[in-house]
């Protein structure tokens, strides 16, 4: 994430911790908010809706 820091992008602490845990464990992050996670190392399993 040094690239994000150098670009002046700050992320909420909770989002950063969630992303770090997923990256460290090699897991996919299941979320509807992929735009909130800018880390290139992060793998997503996007969810379109929750039964809406």
N, C-alpha and C. Protein backbone atom coordinates (compact mmCIF):
# COMPACT_ATOMS: atom_id res chain seq x y z
N UNK A 1 0.78 -1.20 0.00
CA UNK A 1 0.00 0.00 0.00
C UNK A 1 0.83 1.28 0.00
N UNK A 2 2.14 1.21 -0.10
CA UNK A 2 2.89 2.46 -0.14
C UNK A 2 2.43 3.36 -1.28
N UNK A 3 1.98 2.79 -2.38
CA UNK A 3 1.50 3.58 -3.50
C UNK A 3 0.33 4.46 -3.11
N UNK A 4 -0.58 3.94 -2.32
CA UNK A 4 -1.73 4.73 -1.88
C UNK A 4 -1.28 5.87 -0.98
N UNK A 5 -0.32 5.60 -0.13
CA UNK A 5 0.18 6.64 0.77
C UNK A 5 0.86 7.74 -0.04
N UNK A 6 1.68 7.35 -1.01
CA UNK A 6 2.37 8.33 -1.83
C UNK A 6 1.41 9.17 -2.66
N UNK A 7 0.26 8.59 -3.01
CA UNK A 7 -0.74 9.31 -3.79
C UNK A 7 -1.64 10.17 -2.90
N UNK A 8 -1.43 10.12 -1.59
CA UNK A 8 -2.22 10.94 -0.68
C UNK A 8 -3.61 10.39 -0.42
N UNK A 9 -3.80 9.09 -0.63
CA UNK A 9 -5.11 8.47 -0.41
C UNK A 9 -5.11 7.87 0.99
N UNK A 10 -6.08 8.26 1.79
CA UNK A 10 -6.21 7.66 3.12
C UNK A 10 -7.48 6.81 3.14
N UNK A 11 -7.40 5.72 3.85
CA UNK A 11 -8.51 4.78 3.94
C UNK A 11 -8.92 4.63 5.40
N UNK A 12 -10.20 4.35 5.65
CA UNK A 12 -10.63 4.12 7.03
C UNK A 12 -9.86 2.95 7.64
N UNK A 13 -9.52 3.08 8.90
CA UNK A 13 -8.75 2.04 9.59
C UNK A 13 -9.42 0.68 9.51
N UNK A 14 -10.72 0.63 9.70
CA UNK A 14 -11.42 -0.66 9.71
C UNK A 14 -11.34 -1.33 8.33
N UNK A 15 -11.46 -0.57 7.25
CA UNK A 15 -11.34 -1.15 5.91
C UNK A 15 -9.93 -1.67 5.67
N UNK A 16 -8.95 -0.94 6.16
CA UNK A 16 -7.56 -1.35 6.00
C UNK A 16 -7.28 -2.64 6.75
N UNK A 17 -7.82 -2.77 7.96
CA UNK A 17 -7.63 -3.99 8.75
C UNK A 17 -8.31 -5.20 8.10
N UNK A 18 -9.51 -4.99 7.59
CA UNK A 18 -10.23 -6.07 6.91
C UNK A 18 -9.44 -6.53 5.69
N UNK A 19 -8.98 -5.59 4.90
CA UNK A 19 -8.21 -5.92 3.70
C UNK A 19 -6.91 -6.62 4.06
N UNK A 20 -6.21 -6.13 5.08
CA UNK A 20 -4.94 -6.73 5.49
C UNK A 20 -5.13 -8.18 5.93
N UNK A 21 -6.20 -8.45 6.66
CA UNK A 21 -6.47 -9.82 7.11
C UNK A 21 -6.74 -10.73 5.91
N UNK A 22 -7.52 -10.27 4.96
CA UNK A 22 -7.83 -11.08 3.77
C UNK A 22 -6.57 -11.34 2.96
N UNK A 23 -5.74 -10.32 2.78
CA UNK A 23 -4.49 -10.48 2.02
C UNK A 23 -3.55 -11.43 2.73
N UNK A 24 -3.37 -11.26 4.04
CA UNK A 24 -2.45 -12.09 4.81
C UNK A 24 -2.84 -13.55 4.81
N UNK A 25 -4.14 -13.83 4.82
CA UNK A 25 -4.62 -15.21 4.86
C UNK A 25 -4.88 -15.79 3.47
N UNK A 26 -4.71 -14.96 2.43
CA UNK A 26 -4.94 -15.44 1.06
C UNK A 26 -6.41 -15.68 0.77
N UNK A 27 -7.28 -14.94 1.44
CA UNK A 27 -8.72 -15.11 1.29
C UNK A 27 -9.31 -14.10 0.31
N UNK A 28 -10.48 -14.43 -0.19
CA UNK A 28 -11.25 -13.48 -0.97
C UNK A 28 -12.08 -12.63 -0.02
N UNK A 29 -12.25 -11.38 -0.36
CA UNK A 29 -13.11 -10.50 0.41
C UNK A 29 -14.47 -10.47 -0.26
N UNK A 30 -15.50 -10.81 0.48
CA UNK A 30 -16.86 -10.80 -0.04
C UNK A 30 -17.50 -9.48 0.35
N UNK A 31 -17.82 -8.67 -0.66
CA UNK A 31 -18.35 -7.34 -0.37
C UNK A 31 -19.10 -6.78 -1.57
N UNK A 32 -20.00 -5.86 -1.28
CA UNK A 32 -20.65 -5.09 -2.35
C UNK A 32 -19.91 -3.80 -2.61
N UNK A 33 -18.96 -3.46 -1.77
CA UNK A 33 -18.27 -2.18 -1.83
C UNK A 33 -16.82 -2.34 -2.28
N UNK A 34 -16.61 -2.90 -3.44
CA UNK A 34 -15.24 -3.09 -3.91
C UNK A 34 -14.52 -1.76 -4.12
N UNK A 35 -15.24 -0.70 -4.38
CA UNK A 35 -14.62 0.62 -4.59
C UNK A 35 -13.96 1.15 -3.32
N UNK A 36 -14.32 0.62 -2.16
CA UNK A 36 -13.74 1.08 -0.90
C UNK A 36 -12.38 0.44 -0.63
N UNK A 37 -12.01 -0.56 -1.40
CA UNK A 37 -10.77 -1.30 -1.18
C UNK A 37 -9.88 -1.15 -2.41
N UNK A 38 -8.86 -0.33 -2.30
CA UNK A 38 -8.03 0.01 -3.45
C UNK A 38 -6.75 -0.82 -3.55
N UNK A 39 -6.57 -1.78 -2.66
CA UNK A 39 -5.34 -2.56 -2.62
C UNK A 39 -5.29 -3.51 -3.80
N UNK A 40 -4.21 -3.46 -4.57
CA UNK A 40 -4.07 -4.32 -5.75
C UNK A 40 -3.94 -5.79 -5.38
N UNK A 41 -3.42 -6.07 -4.19
CA UNK A 41 -3.21 -7.46 -3.75
C UNK A 41 -4.50 -8.15 -3.33
N UNK A 42 -5.55 -7.42 -3.15
CA UNK A 42 -6.80 -7.95 -2.62
C UNK A 42 -7.61 -8.65 -3.70
N UNK A 43 -8.09 -9.85 -3.37
CA UNK A 43 -8.95 -10.61 -4.28
C UNK A 43 -10.40 -10.48 -3.80
N UNK A 44 -11.29 -10.27 -4.75
CA UNK A 44 -12.70 -10.05 -4.40
C UNK A 44 -13.60 -11.17 -4.88
N UNK A 45 -14.66 -11.37 -4.12
CA UNK A 45 -15.82 -12.13 -4.56
C UNK A 45 -16.97 -11.15 -4.42
N UNK A 46 -17.25 -10.36 -5.48
CA UNK A 46 -18.27 -9.34 -5.36
C UNK A 46 -19.67 -9.94 -5.21
N UNK A 47 -20.50 -9.26 -4.47
CA UNK A 47 -21.88 -9.67 -4.25
C UNK A 47 -22.78 -8.59 -4.84
N UNK A 48 -23.66 -8.97 -5.74
CA UNK A 48 -24.53 -8.00 -6.38
C UNK A 48 -25.68 -7.56 -5.48
N UNK A 49 -26.27 -8.49 -4.76
CA UNK A 49 -27.37 -8.13 -3.89
C UNK A 49 -27.50 -9.17 -2.79
N UNK A 50 -28.18 -8.81 -1.76
CA UNK A 50 -28.43 -9.72 -0.64
C UNK A 50 -29.91 -10.08 -0.60
N UNK A 51 -30.42 -10.62 -1.67
CA UNK A 51 -31.83 -11.02 -1.72
C UNK A 51 -32.78 -9.87 -1.88
N UNK A 52 -32.30 -8.77 -2.40
CA UNK A 52 -33.16 -7.60 -2.58
C UNK A 52 -34.02 -7.73 -3.81
